[in-house]
Amino acid sequence: RAVGFLAAGPGVRQFLDIGSGLPTVDNTHQVAQRAA
């Protein structure tokens, strides 16, 4: 929800995911790049 909102609403195009953990579904880049 947060990444999707930022990428689609205010138009944020850069994300720094600190402490990301093991990849799973809907990782930050997947959500952001769906919107932008």
PDB file of all heavy atoms in Angstrom:
ATOM      1  N   ARG A   1       0.831  -1.215   0.000  1.00  0.00           N
ATOM      2  CA  ARG A   1       0.000   0.000   0.000  1.00  0.00           C
ATOM      3  C   ARG A   1       0.858   1.254   0.000  1.00  0.00           C
ATOM      4  O   ARG A   1       0.601   2.201  -0.757  1.00  0.00           O
ATOM      5  CB  ARG A   1      -0.946   0.015   1.207  1.00  0.00           C
ATOM      6  CG  ARG A   1      -2.146  -0.886   1.075  1.00  0.00           C
ATOM      7  CD  ARG A   1      -3.216  -0.619   2.135  1.00  0.00           C
ATOM      8  NE  ARG A   1      -2.709  -0.419   3.480  1.00  0.00           N
ATOM      9  CZ  ARG A   1      -2.455  -1.388   4.358  1.00  0.00           C
ATOM     10  NH1 ARG A   1      -2.651  -2.653   4.023  1.00  0.00           N
ATOM     11  NH2 ARG A   1      -2.016  -1.119   5.562  1.00  0.00           N
ATOM     12  N   ALA A   2       1.877   1.291   0.845  1.00  0.00           N
ATOM     13  CA  ALA A   2       2.717   2.483   0.967  1.00  0.00           C
ATOM     14  C   ALA A   2       3.487   2.751  -0.323  1.00  0.00           C
ATOM     15  O   ALA A   2       3.481   3.878  -0.841  1.00  0.00           O
ATOM     16  CB  ALA A   2       3.685   2.332   2.148  1.00  0.00           C
ATOM     17  N   VAL A   3       4.145   1.734  -0.847  1.00  0.00           N
ATOM     18  CA  VAL A   3       4.923   1.910  -2.079  1.00  0.00           C
ATOM     19  C   VAL A   3       3.998   2.234  -3.244  1.00  0.00           C
ATOM     20  O   VAL A   3       4.278   3.133  -4.043  1.00  0.00           O
ATOM     21  CB  VAL A   3       5.791   0.664  -2.370  1.00  0.00           C
ATOM     22  CG1 VAL A   3       6.432   0.748  -3.744  1.00  0.00           C
ATOM     23  CG2 VAL A   3       6.860   0.496  -1.301  1.00  0.00           C
ATOM     24  N   GLY A   4       2.885   1.522  -3.340  1.00  0.00           N
ATOM     25  CA  GLY A   4       1.933   1.792  -4.411  1.00  0.00           C
ATOM     26  C   GLY A   4       1.408   3.217  -4.358  1.00  0.00           C
ATOM     27  O   GLY A   4       1.310   3.894  -5.387  1.00  0.00           O
ATOM     28  N   PHE A   5       1.085   3.685  -3.169  1.00  0.00           N
ATOM     29  CA  PHE A   5       0.611   5.065  -3.017  1.00  0.00           C
ATOM     30  C   PHE A   5       1.686   6.056  -3.435  1.00  0.00           C
ATOM     31  O   PHE A   5       1.417   6.999  -4.188  1.00  0.00           O
ATOM     32  CB  PHE A   5       0.193   5.330  -1.567  1.00  0.00           C
ATOM     33  CG  PHE A   5      -0.072   6.784  -1.306  1.00  0.00           C
ATOM     34  CD1 PHE A   5      -1.280   7.358  -1.685  1.00  0.00           C
ATOM     35  CD2 PHE A   5       0.887   7.588  -0.713  1.00  0.00           C
ATOM     36  CE1 PHE A   5      -1.522   8.706  -1.467  1.00  0.00           C
ATOM     37  CE2 PHE A   5       0.646   8.934  -0.487  1.00  0.00           C
ATOM     38  CZ  PHE A   5      -0.555   9.492  -0.867  1.00  0.00           C
ATOM     39  N   LEU A   6       2.903   5.874  -2.946  1.00  0.00           N
ATOM     40  CA  LEU A   6       3.982   6.819  -3.255  1.00  0.00           C
ATOM     41  C   LEU A   6       4.314   6.849  -4.745  1.00  0.00           C
ATOM     42  O   LEU A   6       4.561   7.915  -5.308  1.00  0.00           O
ATOM     43  CB  LEU A   6       5.237   6.477  -2.449  1.00  0.00           C
ATOM     44  CG  LEU A   6       5.139   6.743  -0.949  1.00  0.00           C
ATOM     45  CD1 LEU A   6       6.321   6.105  -0.219  1.00  0.00           C
ATOM     46  CD2 LEU A   6       5.071   8.232  -0.671  1.00  0.00           C
ATOM     47  N   ALA A   7       4.319   5.689  -5.375  1.00  0.00           N
ATOM     48  CA  ALA A   7       4.662   5.636  -6.800  1.00  0.00           C
ATOM     49  C   ALA A   7       3.536   6.175  -7.679  1.00  0.00           C
ATOM     50  O   ALA A   7       3.802   6.845  -8.674  1.00  0.00           O
ATOM     51  CB  ALA A   7       4.997   4.198  -7.207  1.00  0.00           C
ATOM     52  N   ALA A   8       2.299   5.906  -7.307  1.00  0.00           N
ATOM     53  CA  ALA A   8       1.173   6.331  -8.138  1.00  0.00           C
ATOM     54  C   ALA A   8       0.691   7.730  -7.791  1.00  0.00           C
ATOM     55  O   ALA A   8       0.363   8.509  -8.682  1.00  0.00           O
ATOM     56  CB  ALA A   8       0.016   5.342  -7.991  1.00  0.00           C
ATOM     57  N   GLY A   9       0.650   8.069  -6.496  1.00  0.00           N
ATOM     58  CA  GLY A   9       0.114   9.361  -6.067  1.00  0.00           C
ATOM     59  C   GLY A   9       1.110  10.491  -6.228  1.00  0.00           C
ATOM     60  O   GLY A   9       1.121  11.180  -7.243  1.00  0.00           O
ATOM     61  N   PRO A  10       1.987  10.683  -5.259  1.00  0.00           N
ATOM     62  CA  PRO A  10       2.935  11.795  -5.322  1.00  0.00           C
ATOM     63  C   PRO A  10       4.015  11.631  -6.391  1.00  0.00           C
ATOM     64  O   PRO A  10       4.755  12.553  -6.660  1.00  0.00           O
ATOM     65  CB  PRO A  10       3.581  11.816  -3.937  1.00  0.00           C
ATOM     66  CG  PRO A  10       2.800  10.906  -3.083  1.00  0.00           C
ATOM     67  CD  PRO A  10       2.020  10.003  -3.973  1.00  0.00           C
ATOM     68  N   GLY A  11       4.108  10.471  -6.992  1.00  0.00           N
ATOM     69  CA  GLY A  11       5.064  10.282  -8.080  1.00  0.00           C
ATOM     70  C   GLY A  11       6.492  10.024  -7.634  1.00  0.00           C
ATOM     71  O   GLY A  11       7.427  10.361  -8.345  1.00  0.00           O
ATOM     72  N   VAL A  12       6.680   9.414  -6.478  1.00  0.00           N
ATOM     73  CA  VAL A  12       8.027   9.041  -6.045  1.00  0.00           C
ATOM     74  C   VAL A  12       8.512   7.922  -6.965  1.00  0.00           C
ATOM     75  O   VAL A  12       7.783   6.963  -7.222  1.00  0.00           O
ATOM     76  CB  VAL A  12       8.031   8.580  -4.566  1.00  0.00           C
ATOM     77  CG1 VAL A  12       9.397   8.076  -4.153  1.00  0.00           C
ATOM     78  CG2 VAL A  12       7.585   9.722  -3.665  1.00  0.00           C
ATOM     79  N   ARG A  13       9.720   8.043  -7.457  1.00  0.00           N
ATOM     80  CA  ARG A  13      10.267   7.057  -8.397  1.00  0.00           C
ATOM     81  C   ARG A  13      11.518   6.360  -7.878  1.00  0.00           C
ATOM     82  O   ARG A  13      12.129   5.579  -8.580  1.00  0.00           O
ATOM     83  CB  ARG A  13      10.597   7.723  -9.741  1.00  0.00           C
ATOM     84  CG  ARG A  13       9.418   8.345 -10.438  1.00  0.00           C
ATOM     85  CD  ARG A  13       8.440   7.253 -10.896  1.00  0.00           C
ATOM     86  NE  ARG A  13       7.283   7.825 -11.556  1.00  0.00           N
ATOM     87  CZ  ARG A  13       6.109   8.013 -10.996  1.00  0.00           C
ATOM     88  NH1 ARG A  13       5.905   7.692  -9.737  1.00  0.00           N
ATOM     89  NH2 ARG A  13       5.103   8.516 -11.685  1.00  0.00           N
ATOM     90  N   GLN A  14      11.898   6.655  -6.619  1.00  0.00           N
ATOM     91  CA  GLN A  14      13.105   6.068  -6.054  1.00  0.00           C
ATOM     92  C   GLN A  14      12.813   5.575  -4.647  1.00  0.00           C
ATOM     93  O   GLN A  14      12.206   6.293  -3.850  1.00  0.00           O
ATOM     94  CB  GLN A  14      14.227   7.093  -6.019  1.00  0.00           C
ATOM     95  CG  GLN A  14      14.563   7.665  -7.383  1.00  0.00           C
ATOM     96  CD  GLN A  14      15.797   8.522  -7.316  1.00  0.00           C
ATOM     97  OE1 GLN A  14      16.812   8.143  -7.861  1.00  0.00           O
ATOM     98  NE2 GLN A  14      15.729   9.651  -6.629  1.00  0.00           N
ATOM     99  N   PHE A  15      13.280   4.363  -4.364  1.00  0.00           N
ATOM    100  CA  PHE A  15      13.015   3.733  -3.079  1.00  0.00           C
ATOM    101  C   PHE A  15      14.291   3.105  -2.550  1.00  0.00           C
ATOM    102  O   PHE A  15      15.008   2.433  -3.293  1.00  0.00           O
ATOM    103  CB  PHE A  15      11.931   2.660  -3.225  1.00  0.00           C
ATOM    104  CG  PHE A  15      10.606   3.217  -3.661  1.00  0.00           C
ATOM    105  CD1 PHE A  15      10.344   3.448  -5.004  1.00  0.00           C
ATOM    106  CD2 PHE A  15       9.635   3.537  -2.730  1.00  0.00           C
ATOM    107  CE1 PHE A  15       9.133   3.972  -5.411  1.00  0.00           C
ATOM    108  CE2 PHE A  15       8.423   4.067  -3.122  1.00  0.00           C
ATOM    109  CZ  PHE A  15       8.169   4.288  -4.471  1.00  0.00           C
ATOM    110  N   LEU A  16      14.544   3.322  -1.269  1.00  0.00           N
ATOM    111  CA  LEU A  16      15.670   2.712  -0.572  1.00  0.00           C
ATOM    112  C   LEU A  16      15.079   1.827   0.509  1.00  0.00           C
ATOM    113  O   LEU A  16      14.508   2.315   1.480  1.00  0.00           O
ATOM    114  CB  LEU A  16      16.566   3.801   0.023  1.00  0.00           C
ATOM    115  CG  LEU A  16      17.811   3.363   0.767  1.00  0.00           C
ATOM    116  CD1 LEU A  16      18.724   2.534  -0.115  1.00  0.00           C
ATOM    117  CD2 LEU A  16      18.552   4.589   1.305  1.00  0.00           C
ATOM    118  N   ASP A  17      15.159   0.517   0.309  1.00  0.00           N
ATOM    119  CA  ASP A  17      14.530  -0.463   1.194  1.00  0.00           C
ATOM    120  C   ASP A  17      15.601  -1.042   2.117  1.00  0.00           C
ATOM    121  O   ASP A  17      16.351  -1.933   1.726  1.00  0.00           O
ATOM    122  CB  ASP A  17      13.860  -1.552   0.361  1.00  0.00           C
ATOM    123  CG  ASP A  17      12.967  -2.465   1.181  1.00  0.00           C
ATOM    124  OD1 ASP A  17      13.188  -2.587   2.404  1.00  0.00           O
ATOM    125  OD2 ASP A  17      12.058  -3.072   0.586  1.00  0.00           O
ATOM    126  N   ILE A  18      15.670  -0.528   3.340  1.00  0.00           N
ATOM    127  CA  ILE A  18      16.708  -0.911   4.304  1.00  0.00           C
ATOM    128  C   ILE A  18      16.177  -2.015   5.207  1.00  0.00           C
ATOM    129  O   ILE A  18      15.117  -1.880   5.807  1.00  0.00           O
ATOM    130  CB  ILE A  18      17.161   0.305   5.124  1.00  0.00           C
ATOM    131  CG1 ILE A  18      17.694   1.388   4.183  1.00  0.00           C
ATOM    132  CG2 ILE A  18      18.220  -0.100   6.150  1.00  0.00           C
ATOM    133  CD1 ILE A  18      18.013   2.710   4.867  1.00  0.00           C
ATOM    134  N   GLY A  19      16.944  -3.103   5.300  1.00  0.00           N
ATOM    135  CA  GLY A  19      16.501  -4.264   6.071  1.00  0.00           C
ATOM    136  C   GLY A  19      15.432  -5.029   5.330  1.00  0.00           C
ATOM    137  O   GLY A  19      14.447  -5.477   5.905  1.00  0.00           O
ATOM    138  N   SER A  20      15.625  -5.192   4.038  1.00  0.00           N
ATOM    139  CA  SER A  20      14.595  -5.740   3.157  1.00  0.00           C
ATOM    140  C   SER A  20      14.231  -7.191   3.442  1.00  0.00           C
ATOM    141  O   SER A  20      13.113  -7.601   3.196  1.00  0.00           O
ATOM    142  CB  SER A  20      15.034  -5.605   1.700  1.00  0.00           C
ATOM    143  OG  SER A  20      16.291  -6.217   1.505  1.00  0.00           O
ATOM    144  N   GLY A  21      15.164  -7.972   3.945  1.00  0.00           N
ATOM    145  CA  GLY A  21      14.878  -9.381   4.214  1.00  0.00           C
ATOM    146  C   GLY A  21      14.816 -10.197   2.943  1.00  0.00           C
ATOM    147  O   GLY A  21      15.054  -9.698   1.840  1.00  0.00           O
ATOM    148  N   LEU A  22      14.508 -11.479   3.101  1.00  0.00           N
ATOM    149  CA  LEU A  22      14.451 -12.378   1.946  1.00  0.00           C
ATOM    150  C   LEU A  22      13.364 -11.957   0.968  1.00  0.00           C
ATOM    151  O   LEU A  22      12.273 -11.551   1.382  1.00  0.00           O
ATOM    152  CB  LEU A  22      14.183 -13.816   2.408  1.00  0.00           C
ATOM    153  CG  LEU A  22      15.350 -14.517   3.084  1.00  0.00           C
ATOM    154  CD1 LEU A  22      14.888 -15.799   3.759  1.00  0.00           C
ATOM    155  CD2 LEU A  22      16.453 -14.806   2.085  1.00  0.00           C
ATOM    156  N   PRO A  23      13.636 -12.060  -0.320  1.00  0.00           N
ATOM    157  CA  PRO A  23      12.617 -11.723  -1.321  1.00  0.00           C
ATOM    158  C   PRO A  23      11.389 -12.623  -1.175  1.00  0.00           C
ATOM    159  O   PRO A  23      11.500 -13.798  -0.850  1.00  0.00           O
ATOM    160  CB  PRO A  23      13.324 -12.004  -2.655  1.00  0.00           C
ATOM    161  CG  PRO A  23      14.775 -11.986  -2.349  1.00  0.00           C
ATOM    162  CD  PRO A  23      14.910 -12.438  -0.928  1.00  0.00           C
ATOM    163  N   THR A  24      10.240 -12.030  -1.409  1.00  0.00           N
ATOM    164  CA  THR A  24       8.979 -12.764  -1.348  1.00  0.00           C
ATOM    165  C   THR A  24       8.069 -12.193  -2.433  1.00  0.00           C
ATOM    166  O   THR A  24       8.570 -11.714  -3.444  1.00  0.00           O
ATOM    167  CB  THR A  24       8.381 -12.658   0.078  1.00  0.00           C
ATOM    168  OG1 THR A  24       7.186 -13.428   0.132  1.00  0.00           O
ATOM    169  CG2 THR A  24       8.125 -11.250   0.514  1.00  0.00           C
ATOM    170  N   VAL A  25       6.786 -12.201  -2.252  1.00  0.00           N
ATOM    171  CA  VAL A  25       5.876 -11.621  -3.249  1.00  0.00           C
ATOM    172  C   VAL A  25       5.707 -10.138  -2.986  1.00  0.00           C
ATOM    173  O   VAL A  25       5.813  -9.670  -1.859  1.00  0.00           O
ATOM    174  CB  VAL A  25       4.496 -12.324  -3.230  1.00  0.00           C
ATOM    175  CG1 VAL A  25       4.637 -13.772  -3.633  1.00  0.00           C
ATOM    176  CG2 VAL A  25       3.842 -12.205  -1.875  1.00  0.00           C
ATOM    177  N   ASP A  26       5.435  -9.410  -4.049  1.00  0.00           N
ATOM    178  CA  ASP A  26       5.233  -7.957  -3.973  1.00  0.00           C
ATOM    179  C   ASP A  26       6.372  -7.253  -3.242  1.00  0.00           C
ATOM    180  O   ASP A  26       6.165  -6.505  -2.284  1.00  0.00           O
ATOM    181  CB  ASP A  26       3.880  -7.620  -3.339  1.00  0.00           C
ATOM    182  CG  ASP A  26       2.761  -7.646  -4.366  1.00  0.00           C
ATOM    183  OD1 ASP A  26       3.057  -7.646  -5.578  1.00  0.00           O
ATOM    184  OD2 ASP A  26       1.593  -7.664  -3.955  1.00  0.00           O
ATOM    185  N   ASN A  27       7.581  -7.471  -3.730  1.00  0.00           N
ATOM    186  CA  ASN A  27       8.734  -6.750  -3.220  1.00  0.00           C
ATOM    187  C   ASN A  27       8.623  -5.287  -3.652  1.00  0.00           C
ATOM    188  O   ASN A  27       7.852  -4.942  -4.543  1.00  0.00           O
ATOM    189  CB  ASN A  27      10.016  -7.379  -3.774  1.00  0.00           C
ATOM    190  CG  ASN A  27      10.162  -8.810  -3.316  1.00  0.00           C
ATOM    191  OD1 ASN A  27      10.404  -9.072  -2.147  1.00  0.00           O
ATOM    192  ND2 ASN A  27       9.971  -9.747  -4.233  1.00  0.00           N
ATOM    193  N   THR A  28       9.391  -4.436  -3.033  1.00  0.00           N
ATOM    194  CA  THR A  28       9.304  -2.994  -3.275  1.00  0.00           C
ATOM    195  C   THR A  28       9.376  -2.653  -4.753  1.00  0.00           C
ATOM    196  O   THR A  28       8.563  -1.884  -5.268  1.00  0.00           O
ATOM    197  CB  THR A  28      10.397  -2.256  -2.486  1.00  0.00           C
ATOM    198  OG1 THR A  28      10.228  -2.536  -1.089  1.00  0.00           O
ATOM    199  CG2 THR A  28      10.341  -0.766  -2.718  1.00  0.00           C
ATOM    200  N   HIS A  29      10.346  -3.198  -5.465  1.00  0.00           N
ATOM    201  CA  HIS A  29      10.486  -2.832  -6.882  1.00  0.00           C
ATOM    202  C   HIS A  29       9.309  -3.326  -7.719  1.00  0.00           C
ATOM    203  O   HIS A  29       8.906  -2.659  -8.668  1.00  0.00           O
ATOM    204  CB  HIS A  29      11.821  -3.335  -7.456  1.00  0.00           C
ATOM    205  CG  HIS A  29      11.839  -4.784  -7.786  1.00  0.00           C
ATOM    206  ND1 HIS A  29      11.922  -5.775  -6.830  1.00  0.00           N
ATOM    207  CD2 HIS A  29      11.760  -5.415  -8.985  1.00  0.00           C
ATOM    208  CE1 HIS A  29      11.911  -6.952  -7.426  1.00  0.00           C
ATOM    209  NE2 HIS A  29      11.813  -6.766  -8.721  1.00  0.00           N
ATOM    210  N   GLN A  30       8.739  -4.464  -7.363  1.00  0.00           N
ATOM    211  CA  GLN A  30       7.600  -4.975  -8.128  1.00  0.00           C
ATOM    212  C   GLN A  30       6.389  -4.059  -7.981  1.00  0.00           C
ATOM    213  O   GLN A  30       5.720  -3.741  -8.964  1.00  0.00           O
ATOM    214  CB  GLN A  30       7.266  -6.393  -7.679  1.00  0.00           C
ATOM    215  CG  GLN A  30       8.350  -7.391  -8.036  1.00  0.00           C
ATOM    216  CD  GLN A  30       8.178  -8.713  -7.318  1.00  0.00           C
ATOM    217  OE1 GLN A  30       7.872  -8.751  -6.128  1.00  0.00           O
ATOM    218  NE2 GLN A  30       8.388  -9.796  -8.040  1.00  0.00           N
ATOM    219  N   VAL A  31       6.127  -3.639  -6.765  1.00  0.00           N
ATOM    220  CA  VAL A  31       4.988  -2.748  -6.517  1.00  0.00           C
ATOM    221  C   VAL A  31       5.233  -1.394  -7.176  1.00  0.00           C
ATOM    222  O   VAL A  31       4.365  -0.873  -7.883  1.00  0.00           O
ATOM    223  CB  VAL A  31       4.747  -2.583  -4.994  1.00  0.00           C
ATOM    224  CG1 VAL A  31       3.652  -1.562  -4.733  1.00  0.00           C
ATOM    225  CG2 VAL A  31       4.402  -3.919  -4.358  1.00  0.00           C
ATOM    226  N   ALA A  32       6.415  -0.831  -6.965  1.00  0.00           N
ATOM    227  CA  ALA A  32       6.727   0.492  -7.529  1.00  0.00           C
ATOM    228  C   ALA A  32       6.705   0.459  -9.055  1.00  0.00           C
ATOM    229  O   ALA A  32       6.137   1.361  -9.694  1.00  0.00           O
ATOM    230  CB  ALA A  32       8.092   0.964  -7.031  1.00  0.00           C
ATOM    231  N   GLN A  33       7.285  -0.573  -9.639  1.00  0.00           N
ATOM    232  CA  GLN A  33       7.384  -0.617 -11.094  1.00  0.00           C
ATOM    233  C   GLN A  33       6.072  -0.998 -11.769  1.00  0.00           C
ATOM    234  O   GLN A  33       5.908  -0.742 -12.954  1.00  0.00           O
ATOM    235  CB  GLN A  33       8.529  -1.540 -11.515  1.00  0.00           C
ATOM    236  CG  GLN A  33       9.870  -0.917 -11.165  1.00  0.00           C
ATOM    237  CD  GLN A  33      11.059  -1.799 -11.468  1.00  0.00           C
ATOM    238  OE1 GLN A  33      10.922  -2.986 -11.767  1.00  0.00           O
ATOM    239  NE2 GLN A  33      12.234  -1.221 -11.382  1.00  0.00           N
ATOM    240  N   ARG A  34       5.125  -1.560 -11.025  1.00  0.00           N
ATOM    241  CA  ARG A  34       3.771  -1.746 -11.582  1.00  0.00           C
ATOM    242  C   ARG A  34       3.120  -0.379 -11.785  1.00  0.00           C
ATOM    243  O   ARG A  34       2.434  -0.148 -12.768  1.00  0.00           O
ATOM    244  CB  ARG A  34       2.907  -2.598 -10.666  1.00  0.00           C
ATOM    245  CG  ARG A  34       2.929  -4.064 -10.994  1.00  0.00           C
ATOM    246  CD  ARG A  34       1.771  -4.826 -10.375  1.00  0.00           C
ATOM    247  NE  ARG A  34       1.648  -4.694  -8.938  1.00  0.00           N
ATOM    248  CZ  ARG A  34       2.259  -5.492  -8.058  1.00  0.00           C
ATOM    249  NH1 ARG A  34       3.043  -6.465  -8.462  1.00  0.00           N
ATOM    250  NH2 ARG A  34       2.075  -5.316  -6.774  1.00  0.00           N
ATOM    251  N   ALA A  35       3.323   0.514 -10.825  1.00  0.00           N
ATOM    252  CA  ALA A  35       2.736   1.853 -10.911  1.00  0.00           C
ATOM    253  C   ALA A  35       3.554   2.758 -11.827  1.00  0.00           C
ATOM    254  O   ALA A  35       2.992   3.581 -12.545  1.00  0.00           O
ATOM    255  CB  ALA A  35       2.647   2.473  -9.520  1.00  0.00           C
ATOM    256  N   ALA A  36       4.878   2.610 -11.794  1.00  0.00           N
ATOM    257  CA  ALA A  36       5.772   3.467 -12.576  1.00  0.00           C
ATOM    258  C   ALA A  36       6.991   2.631 -12.986  1.00  0.00           C
ATOM    259  O   ALA A  36       7.915   2.463 -12.189  1.00  0.00           O
ATOM    260  CB  ALA A  36       6.206   4.681 -11.752  1.00  0.00           C
TER     261      ALA A  36
END
